[in-house]
Structure formats: C-alpha cells, structure tokens
Amino acid sequence: MTQSMGQPELNKRLQELFGADAQSEGPLAASGAGLRLKGLDLCRPLNSDQASLLLDALAQFRIVSIAGQDLTRFSLAHFERFANHWGAPVPHPNNFMRGGKPAQSDGASDGPFELIPFEKRSVSAVNTTFPDQLQCLAHESPTVLVTANFHGPVKEGTPVRIGGGGSWHTDIEYEPLPIYVSMFLAHKSPTARDAPGGSWVQDPDVGDAQRFGPYFEDSDAELMRLRKDLPLNGETAFADAAAAFAALPPAEQAELEHLQVRRRLNEGDEGWLAPLVRTNPRSGIKSLHSPIWASRPKVRPPIEVEGMSMEASRQLLDRLEAHVLQKQFRYDHLHAPGDVTIWDNYMTLHNSPPIKANIHSIDDARLLYRLSCKGEPALVLPRRDPAEWLEAHIPGGYTTPAEIISL
C-alpha cells in the first residue's frame, strides 16, 4: 500500500520522473477527488517508476487528467499502449459481434467472437459529418470506442435535438470481473454557447417525457432530482464513491463492508456475488462499488443484496445512491482537446451529460475516444496476462499488438 502524497511531494516526484515542466493541480473536487497533471508527454513510453507514480495518483485521487497531449503526434496507438499499464484493454461491445449479433444487444452474450471492421461500425459515419474540418484519429483497434454527438451529415432544416443525459453507472460492473479503469482522450469539445445563461445546452425540462428516462417511472422524486442534476457544457459527471463511504457513520461502514450483492448479466441468470465495498490495494481507501439498484435501467437486471428481498435491496441501494449523488461528492469534468482523463470505476460513478445531436456547426461537436481496462496494473510492458485469464475475461482473448507496445 502506498502512502498518500501531499502536493509538494507529488510535484517533486513528478519533476524527478517527468522533467522540470511537470506539475500537478488538485484536488479538483471539494470531496478530495481529481488531479490534473501537466507537462507529461505520453508519446514517450513510461518506465516502471513513472507508471507507479501515476497508479499511486489514481489510487489517491480517483480521477486523474493528464493535460495537453499534442494530437498531431499522440495517436490512438499511443493511447492504447498507455492504457496497458492500467490493465488489459477490453474490446468495446460496439466493436464486435457475438454469435452473429451485436455484442451490445440484450440477451445471451455467448457465441463466436467476430470483430466488426471499422468501415462497418456506426462510428465510421463520424468522419463524413465535417469532412474538411474534423476527422477521427486513425485507428483499427476494437478497444477504442469513438464517442461523438455527430454521425453523418444532417439535412438542412433538421432541428437540433438535446438528449437528457445517461444514467449513473460504473463501466461493465455486471460481469464477474468488472472494469477497473476507464479513460477518455478528448479530441474536440463543444465551444458554442448559445443557450440562455451561456451554457452549451439548456437544462432539459424534467416536466416533459424525460422526467424519468432512462430510469424506472416509480423512482423516488428526490433521488430523481439528484440523478438529473447534470452539467451543461459537455462535461463528464462524476460522483466520488470513496468520499461518500468515508462520510458514513463508522457503524454503517462496518455493516456495508460485510454485504455482498448478486449481479446478473441477463434475467434468469444465477449471477454471482460481489462485494459492495472495495478497498483500493495501493492506497487502502475504501469505497462503495456501484451502489445502484439498477445501473442499466431496463437493460440489465437490477441487483439483489444477498440475504435481502428485491424490495429491501432497492430501498437500501436507492438510499446509498442518493447519498453518493449529493453535491459535496460531485465533480463535473470539462474536457479539453489533448487531455487524457482516467477514472477508477471501483471508486467513482459517472454519467454522460445532456448533449446536442443533429448538429449543423462544428462548434457543437463533441468527440472523445474511450478505452477501458480489466485486471492488474503493469509497471512494465508488454503485459504477461495468462491465456486462460484472457479467454475468461477479455472478449476474443484480445491483446494489444506488439507493434503498438513497441512504438
């Protein structure tokens, strides 16, 4: 377990390992979460000491943003190589088929693994929207998810639409080995500020059809208010589940540490038990891991607390979700082009904000690339994950090609 670092000590270590221009800013959130690092060039391979320091920083701050990568040099291959230090990169379900159907589909997720060629992925349309102004960074890797609010040219006169945001969740918590770390590389952030109040979008009217979506219609009113309190300028919304756990009375912490929850991939599955509270192995910080009764509403089955009925499970977990989503545990991260932002899924919740679609102007474009990782960190590359472990936990047994690691 590492010792927590103060700002002077952290800056000293950064400059020793990354050079005189390296520095940190943080915490970024009132809860103590969030760290911004500057002066780090991720085009260069990390040595073991550099990787260890970054792992320690995430273990302490839960969210780490490494600012200012030069997108004329920093490629998605560099991004994937960097991700290998945090865990084994996982092919995203949007990028492959299972048993002849998209892996993101509901129902059974077994069957032969088949990669979808990039030109047949829905995101390939991104490059046709502003063809002379904005193109995705070149890539073929199935681990890269292109996250954009534009998917091809829009007919003149088509009205801009504003979505109401997503649901609070952690990434792929419904599998026996959940996602450990996820990260965004920001390519383009929206700059148009034409909504009343100067924000990118107006706060969606919760009196309309978006009042509950995508949540269940019988959700508690105060919990819905907290869920729908989302940022309005293209930020990723975070909630600090470690600080929220630390704020609970010691007696309640002790009770929660003994609880196991049964997660299922599909209705009717037996599922598996997972701890509700996890301890970070590097920092020793304890946190609630996805304390949400239905983190994929109407898509994945709600979870049961072992020894409780489904109704009692929902009451407990709805109360914990409302606790975690309080303002003092929230942090909305504004992405800037060239930033790599990493978060620990065991120690945070996150959500996508209200976003414009059917956009006509590049000023409204939001383009990010996401990678997620499972398993243990690696100080030295290439990783040495056993073939049987990869087969069990990584779709298709995928590993990053040697030519990417040796960049």
Protein backbone atom coordinates (compact mmCIF):
# COMPACT_ATOMS: atom_id res chain seq x y z
CA MET A 1 0.00 0.00 0.00
CA THR A 2 1.31 3.45 -0.89
CA GLN A 3 1.31 6.46 1.41
CA SER A 4 -0.84 9.44 0.40
CA MET A 5 1.13 12.27 -1.19
CA GLY A 6 0.85 15.97 -0.44
CA GLN A 7 1.10 18.50 -3.26
CA PRO A 8 4.76 19.49 -2.69
CA GLU A 9 5.89 15.86 -2.53
CA LEU A 10 3.85 14.97 -5.60
CA ASN A 11 5.27 17.85 -7.64
CA LYS A 12 8.80 16.94 -6.59
CA ARG A 13 8.31 13.34 -7.69
CA LEU A 14 6.69 14.43 -10.96
CA GLN A 15 9.64 16.66 -11.83
CA GLU A 16 12.16 13.98 -10.88
CA LEU A 17 10.45 11.46 -13.14
CA PHE A 18 8.96 13.53 -15.98
CA GLY A 19 11.09 16.69 -16.12
CA ALA A 20 11.12 20.25 -14.81
CA ASP A 21 7.88 21.22 -16.62
CA ALA A 22 5.77 18.57 -14.88
CA GLN A 23 3.33 19.83 -12.25
CA SER A 24 0.02 18.96 -10.63
CA GLU A 25 -3.17 20.78 -9.67
CA GLY A 26 -5.64 19.36 -7.21
CA PRO A 27 -7.72 18.18 -5.68
CA LEU A 28 -10.20 19.36 -8.30
CA ALA A 29 -13.30 18.49 -6.28
CA ALA A 30 -14.44 19.52 -2.81
CA SER A 31 -14.54 15.83 -1.88
CA GLY A 32 -10.77 15.49 -2.40
CA ALA A 33 -11.09 13.76 -5.77
CA GLY A 34 -9.48 14.81 -9.02
CA LEU A 35 -5.93 15.63 -10.07
CA ARG A 36 -4.72 17.48 -13.16
CA LEU A 37 -1.18 16.76 -14.36
CA LYS A 38 0.67 19.00 -16.83
CA GLY A 39 3.95 18.67 -18.68
CA LEU A 40 3.75 14.90 -19.30
CA ASP A 41 4.34 13.65 -22.84
CA LEU A 42 2.53 10.32 -23.23
CA CYS A 43 4.05 9.73 -26.66
CA ARG A 44 7.06 8.51 -24.71
CA PRO A 45 6.93 5.04 -23.14
CA LEU A 46 6.57 5.03 -19.35
CA ASN A 47 9.26 3.45 -17.23
CA SER A 48 8.27 1.49 -14.13
CA ASP A 49 8.77 4.42 -11.73
CA GLN A 50 6.65 6.73 -13.87
CA ALA A 51 3.89 4.15 -14.18
CA SER A 52 3.97 3.51 -10.43
CA LEU A 53 3.59 7.22 -9.63
CA LEU A 54 0.58 7.57 -11.92
CA LEU A 55 -1.03 4.46 -10.42
CA ASP A 56 -0.48 5.89 -6.95
CA ALA A 57 -2.02 9.20 -8.01
CA LEU A 58 -5.18 7.49 -9.27
CA ALA A 59 -5.39 5.34 -6.13
CA GLN A 60 -5.42 8.53 -4.05
CA PHE A 61 -7.41 10.95 -6.23
CA ARG A 62 -9.79 8.55 -8.07
CA ILE A 63 -9.77 10.76 -11.21
CA VAL A 64 -6.57 11.89 -12.97
CA SER A 65 -6.46 14.14 -16.03
CA ILE A 66 -3.17 14.35 -17.93
CA ALA A 67 -3.46 17.55 -19.91
CA GLY A 68 -2.15 18.78 -23.20
CA GLN A 69 -1.22 15.84 -25.41
CA ASP A 70 -0.28 17.01 -28.92
CA LEU A 71 -2.84 15.36 -31.22
CA THR A 72 -0.57 15.85 -34.23
CA ARG A 73 1.81 13.39 -32.51
CA PHE A 74 -0.22 11.50 -29.93
CA SER A 75 -2.06 8.69 -31.71
CA LEU A 76 -4.68 6.18 -30.60
CA ALA A 77 -1.88 3.61 -30.71
CA HIS A 78 0.00 5.67 -28.09
CA PHE A 79 -3.27 5.86 -26.14
CA GLU A 80 -3.73 2.07 -26.19
CA ARG A 81 -0.11 1.45 -25.21
CA PHE A 82 -0.55 3.81 -22.23
CA ALA A 83 -3.77 2.00 -21.25
CA ASN A 84 -1.89 -1.30 -20.92
CA HIS A 85 -0.27 -0.05 -17.72
CA TRP A 86 -3.69 0.19 -16.05
CA GLY A 87 -4.99 -3.23 -17.05
CA ALA A 88 -5.71 -5.36 -20.09
CA PRO A 89 -7.55 -3.21 -22.69
CA VAL A 90 -11.04 -4.56 -23.36
CA PRO A 91 -12.70 -4.59 -26.80
CA HIS A 92 -15.83 -2.46 -26.59
CA PRO A 93 -19.14 -4.28 -27.27
CA ASN A 94 -19.95 -1.78 -30.04
CA ASN A 95 -16.94 -3.07 -31.98
CA PHE A 96 -17.63 -6.83 -32.16
CA MET A 97 -20.30 -9.46 -32.71
CA ARG A 98 -21.26 -12.40 -30.52
CA GLY A 99 -23.00 -15.31 -32.17
CA GLY A 100 -23.75 -13.23 -35.25
CA LYS A 101 -25.38 -10.29 -33.46
CA PRO A 102 -24.00 -7.05 -31.99
CA ALA A 103 -22.43 -7.76 -28.59
CA GLN A 104 -24.22 -4.75 -27.08
CA SER A 105 -27.57 -6.48 -27.70
CA ASP A 106 -29.75 -7.72 -24.87
CA GLY A 107 -29.94 -11.41 -24.13
CA ALA A 108 -27.27 -14.08 -24.09
CA SER A 109 -23.78 -12.79 -24.82
CA ASP A 110 -22.11 -16.06 -25.79
CA GLY A 111 -21.31 -17.40 -29.23
CA PRO A 112 -18.37 -16.88 -31.61
CA PHE A 113 -16.44 -13.61 -31.29
CA GLU A 114 -16.20 -11.61 -34.51
CA LEU A 115 -14.67 -8.15 -34.92
CA ILE A 116 -16.68 -5.59 -36.87
CA PRO A 117 -14.47 -3.88 -39.50
CA PHE A 118 -14.06 -0.19 -38.80
CA GLU A 119 -15.79 0.84 -42.02
CA LYS A 120 -18.89 -1.10 -40.91
CA ARG A 121 -19.02 0.33 -37.40
CA SER A 122 -21.65 3.02 -36.92
CA VAL A 123 -18.99 5.46 -35.78
CA SER A 124 -17.36 5.44 -39.22
CA ALA A 125 -20.08 7.93 -40.18
CA VAL A 126 -18.43 10.43 -37.83
CA ASN A 127 -15.81 11.16 -40.48
CA THR A 128 -18.47 12.14 -43.03
CA THR A 129 -20.06 14.89 -40.92
CA PHE A 130 -17.44 17.65 -41.19
CA PRO A 131 -15.14 16.01 -43.77
CA ASP A 132 -12.87 19.02 -44.34
CA GLN A 133 -12.75 20.14 -40.72
CA LEU A 134 -12.71 17.15 -38.37
CA GLN A 135 -11.67 13.52 -38.79
CA CYS A 136 -11.23 10.82 -36.16
CA LEU A 137 -7.68 9.89 -35.31
CA ALA A 138 -6.76 6.88 -37.42
CA HIS A 139 -7.28 3.53 -35.70
CA GLU A 140 -8.49 -0.03 -36.19
CA SER A 141 -8.32 -1.25 -32.59
CA PRO A 142 -11.51 -2.84 -31.20
CA THR A 143 -10.68 -1.40 -27.78
CA VAL A 144 -11.27 2.20 -28.89
CA LEU A 145 -14.83 3.49 -28.56
CA VAL A 146 -15.45 6.65 -30.57
CA THR A 147 -17.85 8.83 -28.56
CA ALA A 148 -19.33 11.59 -30.71
CA ASN A 149 -22.55 13.59 -30.98
CA PHE A 150 -22.50 13.53 -34.79
CA HIS A 151 -22.85 10.56 -37.12
CA GLY A 152 -23.08 11.88 -40.65
CA PRO A 153 -24.35 14.96 -42.49
CA VAL A 154 -27.63 16.43 -41.26
CA LYS A 155 -30.28 17.56 -43.73
CA GLU A 156 -30.84 21.27 -43.87
CA GLY A 157 -33.73 22.28 -41.63
CA THR A 158 -33.35 19.29 -39.28
CA PRO A 159 -33.78 20.69 -35.76
CA VAL A 160 -31.02 20.25 -33.19
CA ARG A 161 -32.10 17.78 -30.53
CA ILE A 162 -30.93 17.75 -26.90
CA GLY A 163 -30.77 14.44 -25.06
CA GLY A 164 -31.41 14.30 -21.34
CA GLY A 165 -28.16 12.58 -20.35
CA GLY A 166 -27.49 8.99 -19.38
CA SER A 167 -27.83 7.02 -16.17
CA TRP A 168 -25.34 6.89 -13.31
CA HIS A 169 -23.17 3.78 -13.52
CA THR A 170 -19.73 2.22 -13.44
CA ASP A 171 -18.40 0.52 -16.55
CA ILE A 172 -19.38 -3.13 -17.10
CA GLU A 173 -19.96 -3.78 -13.41
CA TYR A 174 -22.32 -6.61 -14.38
CA GLU A 175 -19.55 -9.07 -15.35
CA PRO A 176 -17.72 -11.33 -12.86
CA LEU A 177 -14.57 -9.25 -13.29
CA PRO A 178 -15.68 -5.62 -13.66
CA ILE A 179 -13.86 -2.86 -15.49
CA TYR A 180 -11.13 -1.39 -13.26
CA VAL A 181 -10.12 1.77 -15.13
CA SER A 182 -11.67 3.75 -17.98
CA MET A 183 -10.18 6.73 -19.76
CA PHE A 184 -11.08 9.38 -22.32
CA LEU A 185 -8.84 11.09 -24.83
CA ALA A 186 -10.54 14.35 -25.80
CA HIS A 187 -10.29 15.41 -29.45
CA LYS A 188 -12.95 18.11 -29.77
CA SER A 189 -15.02 19.86 -27.12
CA PRO A 190 -18.09 21.99 -27.88
CA THR A 191 -17.47 25.73 -27.98
CA ALA A 192 -20.91 27.07 -28.96
CA ARG A 193 -22.54 28.82 -26.01
CA ASP A 194 -25.91 29.93 -27.34
CA ALA A 195 -28.27 28.63 -24.67
CA PRO A 196 -29.79 31.02 -22.11
CA GLY A 197 -27.25 31.60 -19.36
CA GLY A 198 -24.34 31.00 -21.73
CA SER A 199 -24.18 27.21 -21.37
CA TRP A 200 -23.82 24.86 -24.33
CA VAL A 201 -27.28 23.36 -23.75
CA GLN A 202 -30.34 24.33 -21.81
CA ASP A 203 -31.16 22.29 -18.75
CA PRO A 204 -33.65 19.72 -20.09
CA ASP A 205 -37.19 20.26 -18.86
CA VAL A 206 -37.83 17.45 -16.39
CA GLY A 207 -41.56 18.08 -16.79
CA ASP A 208 -41.58 16.51 -20.25
CA ALA A 209 -41.03 12.96 -21.49
CA GLN A 210 -37.53 12.97 -19.99
CA ARG A 211 -38.83 13.17 -16.43
CA PHE A 212 -37.82 9.56 -15.67
CA GLY A 213 -35.96 8.32 -18.73
CA PRO A 214 -33.93 6.16 -18.69
CA TYR A 215 -34.90 5.36 -15.08
CA PHE A 216 -37.93 3.50 -13.73
CA GLU A 217 -41.14 5.52 -13.51
CA ASP A 218 -41.69 4.73 -9.82
CA SER A 219 -38.31 6.20 -8.74
CA ASP A 220 -38.19 8.43 -5.68
CA ALA A 221 -38.65 12.13 -6.51
CA GLU A 222 -35.63 13.39 -4.54
CA LEU A 223 -33.41 10.65 -5.97
CA MET A 224 -34.57 11.64 -9.46
CA ARG A 225 -33.69 15.27 -8.76
CA LEU A 226 -30.16 14.25 -7.80
CA ARG A 227 -29.83 11.94 -10.81
CA LYS A 228 -30.92 14.65 -13.24
CA ASP A 229 -28.60 17.34 -11.82
CA LEU A 230 -26.14 17.11 -14.73
CA PRO A 231 -23.59 19.53 -16.25
CA LEU A 232 -24.50 21.61 -19.29
CA ASN A 233 -21.23 22.16 -21.18
CA GLY A 234 -20.29 18.67 -22.35
CA GLU A 235 -18.59 17.66 -19.10
CA THR A 236 -18.45 14.11 -17.79
CA ALA A 237 -20.28 14.00 -14.47
CA PHE A 238 -18.56 12.12 -11.63
CA ALA A 239 -19.54 11.16 -8.10
CA ASP A 240 -16.89 10.27 -5.52
CA ALA A 241 -17.97 6.93 -4.01
CA ALA A 242 -14.87 6.82 -1.77
CA ALA A 243 -15.56 10.17 -0.09
CA ALA A 244 -19.23 9.22 0.20
CA PHE A 245 -18.33 6.00 2.01
CA ALA A 246 -15.92 7.82 4.33
CA ALA A 247 -18.70 10.25 5.29
CA LEU A 248 -20.98 7.49 6.60
CA PRO A 249 -21.07 6.71 10.34
CA PRO A 250 -18.47 4.08 11.31
CA ALA A 251 -21.14 1.60 12.37
CA GLU A 252 -22.85 1.81 8.97
CA GLN A 253 -19.50 1.47 7.19
CA ALA A 254 -18.86 -1.75 9.11
CA GLU A 255 -22.28 -3.14 8.17
CA LEU A 256 -21.87 -2.29 4.50
CA GLU A 257 -18.40 -3.88 4.34
CA HIS A 258 -19.99 -7.26 5.05
CA LEU A 259 -22.61 -7.00 2.30
CA GLN A 260 -22.44 -8.94 -0.96
CA VAL A 261 -24.58 -8.11 -3.97
CA ARG A 262 -25.77 -10.52 -6.64
CA ARG A 263 -25.20 -9.15 -10.13
CA ARG A 264 -26.62 -10.70 -13.31
CA LEU A 265 -25.96 -10.23 -16.98
CA ASN A 266 -29.49 -11.28 -18.03
CA GLU A 267 -32.84 -12.04 -16.40
CA GLY A 268 -32.93 -15.63 -15.22
CA ASP A 269 -29.17 -15.90 -14.73
CA GLU A 270 -27.98 -17.23 -11.41
CA GLY A 271 -25.47 -14.40 -11.35
CA TRP A 272 -22.55 -14.04 -8.95
CA LEU A 273 -21.78 -12.35 -5.67
CA ALA A 274 -19.57 -9.27 -5.50
CA PRO A 275 -18.59 -7.01 -2.58
CA LEU A 276 -20.47 -3.75 -2.19
CA VAL A 277 -17.41 -2.13 -0.58
CA ARG A 278 -13.95 -2.48 -2.08
CA THR A 279 -10.53 -1.46 -0.76
CA ASN A 280 -8.01 0.03 -3.16
CA PRO A 281 -4.91 -2.17 -2.92
CA ARG A 282 -2.46 0.73 -3.42
CA SER A 283 -3.95 3.44 -1.19
CA GLY A 284 -6.08 1.41 1.23
CA ILE A 285 -9.02 3.77 0.55
CA LYS A 286 -12.42 2.09 0.83
CA SER A 287 -15.29 2.90 -1.48
CA LEU A 288 -18.78 1.84 -2.48
CA HIS A 289 -18.63 -0.03 -5.79
CA SER A 290 -21.65 0.78 -7.96
CA PRO A 291 -24.17 1.04 -5.08
CA ILE A 292 -27.02 1.28 -7.58
CA TRP A 293 -30.06 -0.98 -7.67
CA ALA A 294 -30.40 -0.67 -11.48
CA SER A 295 -27.34 0.87 -13.09
CA ARG A 296 -28.58 -0.14 -16.58
CA PRO A 297 -32.32 0.55 -16.17
CA LYS A 298 -34.46 -1.68 -18.40
CA VAL A 299 -31.31 -3.18 -19.98
CA ARG A 300 -29.59 -5.27 -17.28
CA PRO A 301 -31.38 -6.84 -14.29
CA PRO A 302 -31.39 -4.92 -11.00
CA ILE A 303 -29.12 -6.31 -8.30
CA GLU A 304 -30.03 -8.04 -5.07
CA VAL A 305 -28.27 -7.66 -1.76
CA GLU A 306 -27.54 -11.17 -0.52
CA GLY A 307 -29.98 -12.04 2.28
CA MET A 308 -32.47 -9.30 1.32
CA SER A 309 -35.59 -9.29 -0.80
CA MET A 310 -35.54 -7.32 -4.06
CA GLU A 311 -37.73 -4.63 -2.45
CA ALA A 312 -35.42 -4.29 0.56
CA SER A 313 -32.40 -4.29 -1.76
CA ARG A 314 -33.84 -1.41 -3.74
CA GLN A 315 -34.63 0.60 -0.61
CA LEU A 316 -31.08 0.23 0.70
CA LEU A 317 -29.34 0.88 -2.61
CA ASP A 318 -31.57 3.81 -3.58
CA ARG A 319 -30.67 5.40 -0.25
CA LEU A 320 -26.95 4.84 -0.89
CA GLU A 321 -27.21 6.18 -4.44
CA ALA A 322 -28.91 9.34 -3.16
CA HIS A 323 -26.11 9.70 -0.59
CA VAL A 324 -23.35 9.36 -3.21
CA LEU A 325 -25.02 11.83 -5.60
CA GLN A 326 -25.10 14.67 -3.08
CA LYS A 327 -23.44 17.89 -4.21
CA GLN A 328 -20.45 17.54 -1.87
CA PHE A 329 -19.41 14.32 -3.61
CA ARG A 330 -19.95 15.54 -7.20
CA TYR A 331 -17.38 16.70 -9.73
CA ASP A 332 -18.10 17.70 -13.34
CA HIS A 333 -15.01 17.37 -15.53
CA LEU A 334 -14.75 19.66 -18.54
CA HIS A 335 -12.72 18.01 -21.31
CA ALA A 336 -10.14 19.95 -23.32
CA PRO A 337 -8.61 18.67 -26.58
CA GLY A 338 -5.49 16.61 -25.90
CA ASP A 339 -6.47 15.68 -22.33
CA VAL A 340 -6.33 12.06 -21.20
CA THR A 341 -8.73 11.64 -18.26
CA ILE A 342 -8.63 8.41 -16.24
CA TRP A 343 -11.05 7.24 -13.58
CA ASP A 344 -11.21 4.31 -11.18
CA ASN A 345 -14.56 2.54 -11.64
CA TYR A 346 -14.37 0.97 -8.19
CA MET A 347 -14.17 4.41 -6.52
CA THR A 348 -16.46 6.59 -8.66
CA LEU A 349 -19.75 6.76 -10.51
CA HIS A 350 -20.08 8.67 -13.77
CA ASN A 351 -22.70 9.84 -16.22
CA SER A 352 -22.96 11.44 -19.65
CA PRO A 353 -24.44 14.95 -19.78
CA PRO A 354 -27.27 16.39 -21.87
CA ILE A 355 -25.82 16.55 -25.38
CA LYS A 356 -26.82 18.17 -28.65
CA ALA A 357 -27.49 15.88 -31.59
CA ASN A 358 -28.35 16.64 -35.21
CA ILE A 359 -25.73 19.37 -35.05
CA HIS A 360 -25.01 21.65 -38.01
CA SER A 361 -21.95 23.50 -36.69
CA ILE A 362 -18.54 22.14 -35.79
CA ASP A 363 -18.69 24.47 -32.78
CA ASP A 364 -21.19 21.99 -31.32
CA ALA A 365 -19.02 18.92 -31.94
CA ARG A 366 -18.03 16.69 -29.02
CA LEU A 367 -15.54 13.94 -29.93
CA LEU A 368 -13.76 11.67 -27.46
CA TYR A 369 -12.10 8.25 -27.56
CA ARG A 370 -12.64 5.81 -24.69
CA LEU A 371 -10.61 2.83 -23.53
CA SER A 372 -11.35 0.53 -20.59
CA CYS A 373 -9.11 -1.96 -18.79
CA LYS A 374 -9.53 -5.04 -16.61
CA GLY A 375 -7.19 -6.87 -14.28
CA GLU A 376 -3.97 -5.90 -12.56
CA PRO A 377 -1.82 -2.88 -13.48
CA ALA A 378 1.55 -3.49 -15.14
CA LEU A 379 4.62 -1.38 -14.41
CA VAL A 380 6.49 -2.88 -17.37
CA LEU A 381 5.16 -3.68 -20.86
CA PRO A 382 4.27 -5.89 -22.59
CA ARG A 383 1.74 -7.35 -20.20
CA ARG A 384 2.02 -11.01 -19.24
CA ASP A 385 -1.63 -11.95 -18.79
CA PRO A 386 -2.14 -15.75 -18.92
CA ALA A 387 -4.00 -17.02 -21.98
CA GLU A 388 -6.66 -18.70 -19.83
CA TRP A 389 -7.28 -15.43 -17.94
CA LEU A 390 -7.64 -13.51 -21.21
CA GLU A 391 -10.04 -16.12 -22.55
CA ALA A 392 -12.17 -15.87 -19.41
CA HIS A 393 -12.31 -12.08 -19.06
CA ILE A 394 -11.35 -10.33 -22.32
CA PRO A 395 -13.63 -10.76 -25.36
CA GLY A 396 -11.85 -12.76 -28.02
CA GLY A 397 -8.81 -13.07 -25.74
CA TYR A 398 -7.63 -9.77 -27.24
CA THR A 399 -4.15 -8.44 -26.50
CA THR A 400 -2.59 -5.25 -27.80
CA PRO A 401 -0.39 -5.99 -30.85
CA ALA A 402 3.38 -5.91 -30.30
CA GLU A 403 3.84 -3.09 -32.81
CA ILE A 404 1.73 -0.80 -30.62
CA ILE A 405 3.65 -1.69 -27.44
CA SER A 406 6.96 -1.05 -29.18
CA LEU A 407 6.03 2.39 -30.54
